Amino acid sequence: MLDNQDPISWINKLAITETVSKFAWFADNREWEALEQLFTEEVKIDYTSLTGGEPATIPANALMNSWKQGLTPLKATQHFLSNPIVDLDSESQATCRAYFQARHEYPNPFGESQWTLGGTYTFRFASVNGQWKISGLVMTAVWASGNQNIMNLAVQQQQ
């Protein structure tokens, strides 16, 4: 691990923290192209705590298409990320851990219109041409409340 007290380390930590904030902002505002620019060309994703299966390495544009399909039909989403802890693993690799809450809204005749999920994200970062980009993402679901089925209902309505 690098010396985390020098000014360059703090600049890198700030850049990583801002990227994590943009991750949530761009997703909630459906800014898919801007969101995709935060990622390396391929990204290792792990949502197995929620969906099962296995972690996968996929192109960033495939990840954006998946999120676009799942989130766009919703009336609103709001992703809160807090308490980021950034570790600079080397000059070109870093890890950021943060808590999250993700609120999803989809009015429907089949139950509650909201689903909220909480847990942690672990972001892996790579420095690419002087920019910190997300190269890996592990979402660990810890709790949920509301109607998770709104995610399925929203996607089905679009088909």
N, C-alpha and C. Protein backbone atom coordinates (compact mmCIF):
# COMPACT_ATOMS: atom_id res chain seq x y z
N MET A 1 0.85 -1.17 0.00
CA MET A 1 0.00 0.00 0.00
C MET A 1 0.89 1.24 0.00
N LEU A 2 0.42 2.27 -0.67
CA LEU A 2 1.20 3.51 -0.76
C LEU A 2 1.07 4.32 0.52
N ASP A 3 2.01 5.26 0.69
CA ASP A 3 1.92 6.23 1.79
C ASP A 3 0.70 7.11 1.53
N ASN A 4 -0.29 7.02 2.38
CA ASN A 4 -1.55 7.73 2.16
C ASN A 4 -1.55 9.14 2.73
N GLN A 5 -0.38 9.65 3.13
CA GLN A 5 -0.33 10.97 3.74
C GLN A 5 0.23 12.05 2.80
N ASP A 6 0.82 11.67 1.69
CA ASP A 6 1.40 12.69 0.82
C ASP A 6 0.29 13.37 -0.01
N PRO A 7 0.52 14.59 -0.49
CA PRO A 7 -0.51 15.34 -1.22
C PRO A 7 -1.04 14.62 -2.46
N ILE A 8 -0.18 13.93 -3.19
CA ILE A 8 -0.63 13.20 -4.38
C ILE A 8 -1.62 12.10 -3.99
N SER A 9 -1.39 11.43 -2.88
CA SER A 9 -2.32 10.41 -2.42
C SER A 9 -3.68 11.01 -2.13
N TRP A 10 -3.70 12.17 -1.49
CA TRP A 10 -4.97 12.82 -1.18
C TRP A 10 -5.69 13.26 -2.45
N ILE A 11 -4.96 13.73 -3.44
CA ILE A 11 -5.56 14.10 -4.72
C ILE A 11 -6.18 12.87 -5.37
N ASN A 12 -5.47 11.75 -5.35
CA ASN A 12 -6.00 10.51 -5.92
C ASN A 12 -7.23 10.03 -5.16
N LYS A 13 -7.19 10.11 -3.84
CA LYS A 13 -8.35 9.69 -3.05
C LYS A 13 -9.56 10.56 -3.36
N LEU A 14 -9.35 11.86 -3.51
CA LEU A 14 -10.45 12.76 -3.84
C LEU A 14 -11.02 12.42 -5.23
N ALA A 15 -10.15 12.14 -6.19
CA ALA A 15 -10.61 11.79 -7.53
C ALA A 15 -11.43 10.51 -7.51
N ILE A 16 -10.99 9.53 -6.74
CA ILE A 16 -11.73 8.26 -6.62
C ILE A 16 -13.07 8.49 -5.94
N THR A 17 -13.09 9.26 -4.87
CA THR A 17 -14.33 9.54 -4.16
C THR A 17 -15.32 10.27 -5.08
N GLU A 18 -14.83 11.20 -5.88
CA GLU A 18 -15.71 11.90 -6.81
C GLU A 18 -16.26 10.94 -7.87
N THR A 19 -15.45 10.02 -8.33
CA THR A 19 -15.93 9.04 -9.31
C THR A 19 -17.04 8.19 -8.71
N VAL A 20 -16.91 7.80 -7.46
CA VAL A 20 -17.95 7.02 -6.78
C VAL A 20 -19.24 7.86 -6.68
N SER A 21 -19.12 9.13 -6.38
CA SER A 21 -20.29 10.00 -6.32
C SER A 21 -20.95 10.14 -7.69
N LYS A 22 -20.14 10.30 -8.72
CA LYS A 22 -20.67 10.39 -10.08
C LYS A 22 -21.37 9.10 -10.49
N PHE A 23 -20.86 7.97 -10.05
CA PHE A 23 -21.47 6.67 -10.32
C PHE A 23 -22.95 6.69 -9.93
N ALA A 24 -23.25 7.15 -8.72
CA ALA A 24 -24.63 7.20 -8.25
C ALA A 24 -25.43 8.28 -8.98
N TRP A 25 -24.84 9.46 -9.14
CA TRP A 25 -25.53 10.58 -9.78
C TRP A 25 -25.91 10.24 -11.22
N PHE A 26 -24.96 9.73 -11.99
CA PHE A 26 -25.24 9.43 -13.40
C PHE A 26 -26.28 8.32 -13.54
N ALA A 27 -26.25 7.32 -12.67
CA ALA A 27 -27.24 6.24 -12.73
C ALA A 27 -28.64 6.81 -12.44
N ASP A 28 -28.77 7.61 -11.41
CA ASP A 28 -30.08 8.15 -11.04
C ASP A 28 -30.62 9.13 -12.07
N ASN A 29 -29.74 9.80 -12.77
CA ASN A 29 -30.15 10.77 -13.78
C ASN A 29 -30.13 10.20 -15.19
N ARG A 30 -29.94 8.90 -15.29
CA ARG A 30 -29.99 8.17 -16.56
C ARG A 30 -29.00 8.74 -17.58
N GLU A 31 -27.82 9.12 -17.10
CA GLU A 31 -26.75 9.63 -17.96
C GLU A 31 -25.82 8.47 -18.30
N TRP A 32 -26.31 7.58 -19.18
CA TRP A 32 -25.64 6.31 -19.43
C TRP A 32 -24.26 6.47 -20.06
N GLU A 33 -24.13 7.39 -21.00
CA GLU A 33 -22.82 7.59 -21.65
C GLU A 33 -21.80 8.11 -20.65
N ALA A 34 -22.20 9.06 -19.83
CA ALA A 34 -21.29 9.61 -18.81
C ALA A 34 -20.94 8.52 -17.80
N LEU A 35 -21.92 7.71 -17.43
CA LEU A 35 -21.68 6.62 -16.48
C LEU A 35 -20.68 5.62 -17.06
N GLU A 36 -20.86 5.27 -18.31
CA GLU A 36 -19.95 4.31 -18.94
C GLU A 36 -18.51 4.80 -18.94
N GLN A 37 -18.31 6.12 -19.06
CA GLN A 37 -16.96 6.68 -19.09
C GLN A 37 -16.23 6.53 -17.76
N LEU A 38 -16.96 6.22 -16.69
CA LEU A 38 -16.32 6.01 -15.39
C LEU A 38 -15.67 4.64 -15.27
N PHE A 39 -15.92 3.75 -16.23
CA PHE A 39 -15.47 2.37 -16.16
C PHE A 39 -14.35 2.08 -17.15
N THR A 40 -13.55 1.07 -16.83
CA THR A 40 -12.61 0.53 -17.80
C THR A 40 -13.43 -0.18 -18.88
N GLU A 41 -12.79 -0.53 -20.00
CA GLU A 41 -13.52 -1.17 -21.10
C GLU A 41 -14.21 -2.46 -20.67
N GLU A 42 -13.56 -3.21 -19.82
CA GLU A 42 -14.16 -4.41 -19.23
C GLU A 42 -14.16 -4.23 -17.72
N VAL A 43 -15.20 -4.76 -17.10
CA VAL A 43 -15.35 -4.58 -15.66
C VAL A 43 -15.78 -5.91 -15.05
N LYS A 44 -15.19 -6.23 -13.91
CA LYS A 44 -15.58 -7.43 -13.18
C LYS A 44 -16.69 -7.04 -12.21
N ILE A 45 -17.86 -7.64 -12.38
CA ILE A 45 -18.99 -7.31 -11.53
C ILE A 45 -19.40 -8.52 -10.70
N ASP A 46 -19.89 -8.22 -9.51
CA ASP A 46 -20.35 -9.27 -8.60
C ASP A 46 -21.58 -8.76 -7.85
N TYR A 47 -22.73 -9.22 -8.31
CA TYR A 47 -24.00 -8.92 -7.65
C TYR A 47 -24.59 -10.21 -7.08
N THR A 48 -23.74 -11.19 -6.80
CA THR A 48 -24.22 -12.51 -6.39
C THR A 48 -24.94 -12.51 -5.06
N SER A 49 -24.66 -11.54 -4.19
CA SER A 49 -25.38 -11.52 -2.91
C SER A 49 -26.86 -11.24 -3.11
N LEU A 50 -27.21 -10.64 -4.23
CA LEU A 50 -28.61 -10.33 -4.53
C LEU A 50 -29.20 -11.31 -5.54
N THR A 51 -28.43 -11.64 -6.57
CA THR A 51 -28.98 -12.39 -7.70
C THR A 51 -28.51 -13.83 -7.79
N GLY A 52 -27.53 -14.22 -6.97
CA GLY A 52 -26.96 -15.55 -7.11
C GLY A 52 -26.02 -15.58 -8.30
N GLY A 53 -25.74 -16.77 -8.78
CA GLY A 53 -24.85 -16.90 -9.93
C GLY A 53 -23.40 -16.73 -9.57
N GLU A 54 -22.63 -16.29 -10.53
CA GLU A 54 -21.18 -16.12 -10.38
C GLU A 54 -20.78 -14.72 -10.79
N PRO A 55 -19.69 -14.19 -10.21
CA PRO A 55 -19.15 -12.92 -10.72
C PRO A 55 -18.80 -13.07 -12.20
N ALA A 56 -18.80 -11.96 -12.93
CA ALA A 56 -18.51 -12.01 -14.36
C ALA A 56 -17.68 -10.80 -14.76
N THR A 57 -16.91 -10.97 -15.80
CA THR A 57 -16.20 -9.86 -16.42
C THR A 57 -16.89 -9.59 -17.75
N ILE A 58 -17.40 -8.35 -17.89
CA ILE A 58 -18.17 -8.00 -19.08
C ILE A 58 -17.73 -6.64 -19.60
N PRO A 59 -18.03 -6.36 -20.87
CA PRO A 59 -17.74 -5.01 -21.38
C PRO A 59 -18.59 -3.97 -20.65
N ALA A 60 -18.01 -2.80 -20.45
CA ALA A 60 -18.73 -1.73 -19.76
C ALA A 60 -20.01 -1.37 -20.49
N ASN A 61 -20.02 -1.41 -21.82
CA ASN A 61 -21.25 -1.05 -22.54
C ASN A 61 -22.35 -2.07 -22.31
N ALA A 62 -22.01 -3.33 -22.10
CA ALA A 62 -23.02 -4.35 -21.77
C ALA A 62 -23.61 -4.09 -20.38
N LEU A 63 -22.77 -3.67 -19.45
CA LEU A 63 -23.25 -3.33 -18.11
C LEU A 63 -24.21 -2.15 -18.18
N MET A 64 -23.85 -1.13 -18.98
CA MET A 64 -24.72 0.04 -19.12
C MET A 64 -26.06 -0.37 -19.73
N ASN A 65 -26.03 -1.21 -20.75
CA ASN A 65 -27.27 -1.66 -21.38
C ASN A 65 -28.16 -2.39 -20.37
N SER A 66 -27.55 -3.20 -19.52
CA SER A 66 -28.31 -3.93 -18.50
C SER A 66 -28.94 -2.96 -17.51
N TRP A 67 -28.16 -2.01 -17.02
CA TRP A 67 -28.69 -1.02 -16.07
C TRP A 67 -29.75 -0.15 -16.73
N LYS A 68 -29.51 0.23 -17.97
CA LYS A 68 -30.48 1.06 -18.70
C LYS A 68 -31.82 0.33 -18.81
N GLN A 69 -31.77 -0.93 -19.15
CA GLN A 69 -32.99 -1.73 -19.29
C GLN A 69 -33.71 -1.87 -17.95
N GLY A 70 -32.96 -2.06 -16.87
CA GLY A 70 -33.56 -2.29 -15.56
C GLY A 70 -34.01 -1.02 -14.84
N LEU A 71 -33.32 0.09 -15.05
CA LEU A 71 -33.62 1.30 -14.28
C LEU A 71 -34.48 2.33 -15.02
N THR A 72 -34.35 2.40 -16.34
CA THR A 72 -35.08 3.42 -17.09
C THR A 72 -36.59 3.34 -16.90
N PRO A 73 -37.20 2.16 -16.87
CA PRO A 73 -38.66 2.11 -16.71
C PRO A 73 -39.17 2.59 -15.35
N LEU A 74 -38.31 2.66 -14.35
CA LEU A 74 -38.74 3.08 -13.02
C LEU A 74 -39.08 4.57 -13.03
N LYS A 75 -40.00 4.96 -12.16
CA LYS A 75 -40.34 6.38 -12.04
C LYS A 75 -39.14 7.17 -11.52
N ALA A 76 -38.42 6.59 -10.56
CA ALA A 76 -37.25 7.27 -9.99
C ALA A 76 -36.38 6.27 -9.26
N THR A 77 -35.10 6.60 -9.16
CA THR A 77 -34.17 5.88 -8.29
C THR A 77 -33.35 6.93 -7.56
N GLN A 78 -32.85 6.53 -6.42
CA GLN A 78 -31.94 7.41 -5.68
C GLN A 78 -30.94 6.53 -4.95
N HIS A 79 -29.70 6.62 -5.38
CA HIS A 79 -28.61 5.84 -4.78
C HIS A 79 -27.79 6.75 -3.88
N PHE A 80 -27.73 6.38 -2.61
CA PHE A 80 -26.92 7.11 -1.64
C PHE A 80 -25.67 6.27 -1.35
N LEU A 81 -24.51 6.89 -1.44
CA LEU A 81 -23.25 6.24 -1.08
C LEU A 81 -22.61 7.07 0.01
N SER A 82 -22.13 6.39 1.06
CA SER A 82 -21.56 7.15 2.17
C SER A 82 -20.34 6.44 2.75
N ASN A 83 -19.62 7.19 3.56
CA ASN A 83 -18.46 6.71 4.30
C ASN A 83 -17.43 6.01 3.41
N PRO A 84 -17.05 6.65 2.29
CA PRO A 84 -16.06 5.99 1.43
C PRO A 84 -14.70 5.88 2.11
N ILE A 85 -14.12 4.72 1.99
CA ILE A 85 -12.76 4.48 2.48
C ILE A 85 -11.93 4.05 1.28
N VAL A 86 -10.93 4.85 0.94
CA VAL A 86 -10.11 4.61 -0.24
C VAL A 86 -8.74 4.11 0.19
N ASP A 87 -8.34 2.98 -0.37
CA ASP A 87 -6.99 2.44 -0.18
C ASP A 87 -6.27 2.47 -1.51
N LEU A 88 -5.13 3.16 -1.55
CA LEU A 88 -4.29 3.17 -2.74
C LEU A 88 -3.38 1.96 -2.67
N ASP A 89 -3.69 0.96 -3.48
CA ASP A 89 -2.95 -0.29 -3.44
C ASP A 89 -1.60 -0.19 -4.14
N SER A 90 -1.53 0.65 -5.15
CA SER A 90 -0.28 0.92 -5.88
C SER A 90 -0.49 2.24 -6.62
N GLU A 91 0.45 2.60 -7.46
CA GLU A 91 0.29 3.85 -8.21
C GLU A 91 -0.83 3.76 -9.24
N SER A 92 -1.24 2.55 -9.59
CA SER A 92 -2.26 2.40 -10.63
C SER A 92 -3.47 1.57 -10.21
N GLN A 93 -3.53 1.15 -8.95
CA GLN A 93 -4.64 0.33 -8.46
C GLN A 93 -5.12 0.88 -7.12
N ALA A 94 -6.45 0.85 -6.93
CA ALA A 94 -7.02 1.32 -5.67
C ALA A 94 -8.32 0.57 -5.39
N THR A 95 -8.74 0.65 -4.15
CA THR A 95 -9.99 0.05 -3.70
C THR A 95 -10.75 1.11 -2.90
N CYS A 96 -12.06 1.17 -3.13
CA CYS A 96 -12.92 2.07 -2.35
C CYS A 96 -14.10 1.25 -1.84
N ARG A 97 -14.31 1.31 -0.53
CA ARG A 97 -15.46 0.65 0.09
C ARG A 97 -16.41 1.73 0.58
N ALA A 98 -17.71 1.49 0.40
CA ALA A 98 -18.71 2.48 0.83
C ALA A 98 -20.02 1.77 1.16
N TYR A 99 -20.77 2.38 2.07
CA TYR A 99 -22.13 1.93 2.32
C TYR A 99 -23.03 2.47 1.21
N PHE A 100 -24.15 1.78 0.96
CA PHE A 100 -25.12 2.32 0.01
C PHE A 100 -26.54 2.05 0.48
N GLN A 101 -27.44 2.91 0.03
CA GLN A 101 -28.88 2.67 0.04
C GLN A 101 -29.36 3.02 -1.35
N ALA A 102 -30.16 2.15 -1.93
CA ALA A 102 -30.70 2.37 -3.27
C ALA A 102 -32.22 2.30 -3.19
N ARG A 103 -32.85 3.43 -3.46
CA ARG A 103 -34.32 3.50 -3.45
C ARG A 103 -34.82 3.44 -4.88
N HIS A 104 -35.87 2.66 -5.09
CA HIS A 104 -36.46 2.47 -6.41
C HIS A 104 -37.96 2.73 -6.29
N GLU A 105 -38.53 3.45 -7.26
CA GLU A 105 -39.94 3.83 -7.23
C GLU A 105 -40.61 3.42 -8.54
N TYR A 106 -41.70 2.63 -8.42
CA TYR A 106 -42.48 2.24 -9.58
C TYR A 106 -43.93 2.00 -9.15
N PRO A 107 -44.79 3.01 -9.33
CA PRO A 107 -46.20 2.82 -8.97
C PRO A 107 -46.81 1.68 -9.78
N ASN A 108 -47.61 0.86 -9.10
CA ASN A 108 -48.19 -0.31 -9.76
C ASN A 108 -49.40 -0.78 -8.96
N PRO A 109 -50.29 -1.55 -9.59
CA PRO A 109 -51.48 -2.01 -8.88
C PRO A 109 -51.26 -3.28 -8.07
N PHE A 110 -50.02 -3.77 -7.98
CA PHE A 110 -49.75 -5.08 -7.37
C PHE A 110 -48.98 -5.01 -6.07
N GLY A 111 -49.05 -3.90 -5.36
CA GLY A 111 -48.36 -3.81 -4.09
C GLY A 111 -47.66 -2.48 -3.92
N GLU A 112 -46.77 -2.43 -2.95
CA GLU A 112 -46.04 -1.20 -2.68
C GLU A 112 -45.31 -0.71 -3.92
N SER A 113 -45.12 0.60 -3.97
CA SER A 113 -44.45 1.18 -5.14
C SER A 113 -42.95 1.37 -4.93
N GLN A 114 -42.44 1.06 -3.73
CA GLN A 114 -41.02 1.29 -3.45
C GLN A 114 -40.31 0.01 -3.04
N TRP A 115 -39.03 -0.03 -3.41
CA TRP A 115 -38.12 -1.07 -2.94
C TRP A 115 -36.83 -0.37 -2.58
N THR A 116 -36.34 -0.62 -1.38
CA THR A 116 -35.08 -0.03 -0.92
C THR A 116 -34.13 -1.16 -0.55
N LEU A 117 -32.92 -1.04 -1.03
CA LEU A 117 -31.88 -2.04 -0.79
C LEU A 117 -30.71 -1.34 -0.12
N GLY A 118 -30.11 -1.98 0.87
CA GLY A 118 -28.96 -1.41 1.54
C GLY A 118 -27.83 -2.41 1.67
N GLY A 119 -26.61 -1.90 1.75
CA GLY A 119 -25.46 -2.77 1.89
C GLY A 119 -24.17 -2.03 1.66
N THR A 120 -23.24 -2.71 1.03
CA THR A 120 -21.93 -2.11 0.75
C THR A 120 -21.54 -2.33 -0.71
N TYR A 121 -20.76 -1.41 -1.21
CA TYR A 121 -20.10 -1.55 -2.50
C TYR A 121 -18.60 -1.60 -2.25
N THR A 122 -17.92 -2.44 -2.97
CA THR A 122 -16.46 -2.43 -3.03
C THR A 122 -16.10 -2.17 -4.49
N PHE A 123 -15.51 -1.02 -4.73
CA PHE A 123 -15.08 -0.62 -6.07
C PHE A 123 -13.59 -0.91 -6.21
N ARG A 124 -13.20 -1.51 -7.31
CA ARG A 124 -11.78 -1.63 -7.67
C ARG A 124 -11.52 -0.58 -8.75
N PHE A 125 -10.40 0.10 -8.64
CA PHE A 125 -10.06 1.16 -9.58
C PHE A 125 -8.73 0.86 -10.25
N ALA A 126 -8.63 1.30 -11.50
CA ALA A 126 -7.37 1.27 -12.25
C ALA A 126 -7.14 2.66 -12.81
N SER A 127 -5.90 3.10 -12.76
CA SER A 127 -5.55 4.38 -13.36
C SER A 127 -5.31 4.16 -14.85
N VAL A 128 -6.12 4.84 -15.68
CA VAL A 128 -6.04 4.70 -17.13
C VAL A 128 -5.81 6.10 -17.71
N ASN A 129 -4.64 6.29 -18.31
CA ASN A 129 -4.30 7.59 -18.90
C ASN A 129 -4.53 8.75 -17.91
N GLY A 130 -4.14 8.54 -16.67
CA GLY A 130 -4.23 9.58 -15.66
C GLY A 130 -5.60 9.74 -15.02
N GLN A 131 -6.55 8.88 -15.36
CA GLN A 131 -7.89 8.94 -14.76
C GLN A 131 -8.16 7.65 -14.01
N TRP A 132 -8.78 7.78 -12.83
CA TRP A 132 -9.18 6.61 -12.06
C TRP A 132 -10.51 6.11 -12.61
N LYS A 133 -10.51 4.85 -13.06
CA LYS A 133 -11.71 4.24 -13.63
C LYS A 133 -12.07 2.99 -12.84
N ILE A 134 -13.36 2.72 -12.78
CA ILE A 134 -13.85 1.55 -12.06
C ILE A 134 -13.57 0.31 -12.90
N SER A 135 -12.80 -0.62 -12.34
CA SER A 135 -12.47 -1.86 -13.05
C SER A 135 -13.18 -3.06 -12.44
N GLY A 136 -13.74 -2.88 -11.25
CA GLY A 136 -14.45 -3.97 -10.59
C GLY A 136 -15.47 -3.40 -9.63
N LEU A 137 -16.55 -4.15 -9.42
CA LEU A 137 -17.65 -3.68 -8.58
C LEU A 137 -18.29 -4.87 -7.90
N VAL A 138 -18.23 -4.87 -6.56
CA VAL A 138 -18.90 -5.91 -5.77
C VAL A 138 -19.98 -5.22 -4.94
N MET A 139 -21.24 -5.60 -5.18
CA MET A 139 -22.35 -5.10 -4.39
C MET A 139 -22.72 -6.20 -3.41
N THR A 140 -22.70 -5.88 -2.13
CA THR A 140 -23.09 -6.83 -1.09
C THR A 140 -24.37 -6.34 -0.44
N ALA A 141 -25.48 -7.02 -0.75
CA ALA A 141 -26.76 -6.67 -0.16
C ALA A 141 -26.77 -7.12 1.29
N VAL A 142 -27.21 -6.24 2.19
CA VAL A 142 -27.27 -6.55 3.61
C VAL A 142 -28.72 -6.56 4.09
N TRP A 143 -29.56 -5.67 3.54
CA TRP A 143 -30.95 -5.60 3.95
C TRP A 143 -31.79 -5.03 2.81
N ALA A 144 -33.09 -5.24 2.89
CA ALA A 144 -34.02 -4.68 1.90
C ALA A 144 -35.36 -4.47 2.57
N SER A 145 -36.14 -3.55 2.01
CA SER A 145 -37.51 -3.36 2.47
C SER A 145 -38.36 -2.97 1.27
N GLY A 146 -39.63 -3.25 1.36
CA GLY A 146 -40.54 -2.89 0.29
C GLY A 146 -40.77 -4.02 -0.69
N ASN A 147 -41.10 -3.64 -1.91
CA ASN A 147 -41.56 -4.57 -2.94
C ASN A 147 -40.49 -4.76 -4.01
N GLN A 148 -39.66 -5.77 -3.88
CA GLN A 148 -38.61 -6.04 -4.86
C GLN A 148 -39.18 -6.35 -6.23
N ASN A 149 -40.42 -6.84 -6.28
CA ASN A 149 -41.02 -7.22 -7.56
C ASN A 149 -41.24 -6.03 -8.49
N ILE A 150 -41.14 -4.78 -7.98
CA ILE A 150 -41.31 -3.64 -8.89
C ILE A 150 -40.26 -3.65 -9.99
N MET A 151 -39.11 -4.22 -9.72
CA MET A 151 -38.06 -4.28 -10.74
C MET A 151 -38.52 -5.13 -11.92
N ASN A 152 -39.14 -6.27 -11.63
CA ASN A 152 -39.67 -7.14 -12.69
C ASN A 152 -40.84 -6.48 -13.41
N LEU A 153 -41.76 -5.88 -12.64
CA LEU A 153 -42.93 -5.24 -13.23
C LEU A 153 -42.53 -4.12 -14.20
N ALA A 154 -41.55 -3.32 -13.83
CA ALA A 154 -41.11 -2.22 -14.68
C ALA A 154 -40.52 -2.73 -15.98
N VAL A 155 -39.70 -3.77 -15.91
CA VAL A 155 -39.09 -4.32 -17.13
C VAL A 155 -40.16 -4.97 -18.00
N GLN A 156 -41.10 -5.72 -17.40
CA GLN A 156 -42.16 -6.39 -18.17
C GLN A 156 -43.02 -5.39 -18.91
N GLN A 157 -43.30 -4.24 -18.32
CA GLN A 157 -44.13 -3.24 -18.96
C GLN A 157 -43.46 -2.69 -20.21
N GLN A 158 -42.14 -2.70 -20.25
CA GLN A 158 -41.40 -2.17 -21.40
C GLN A 158 -41.36 -3.15 -22.57
N GLN A 159 -41.66 -4.41 -22.31
CA GLN A 159 -41.54 -5.43 -23.37
C GLN A 159 -42.76 -5.49 -24.23
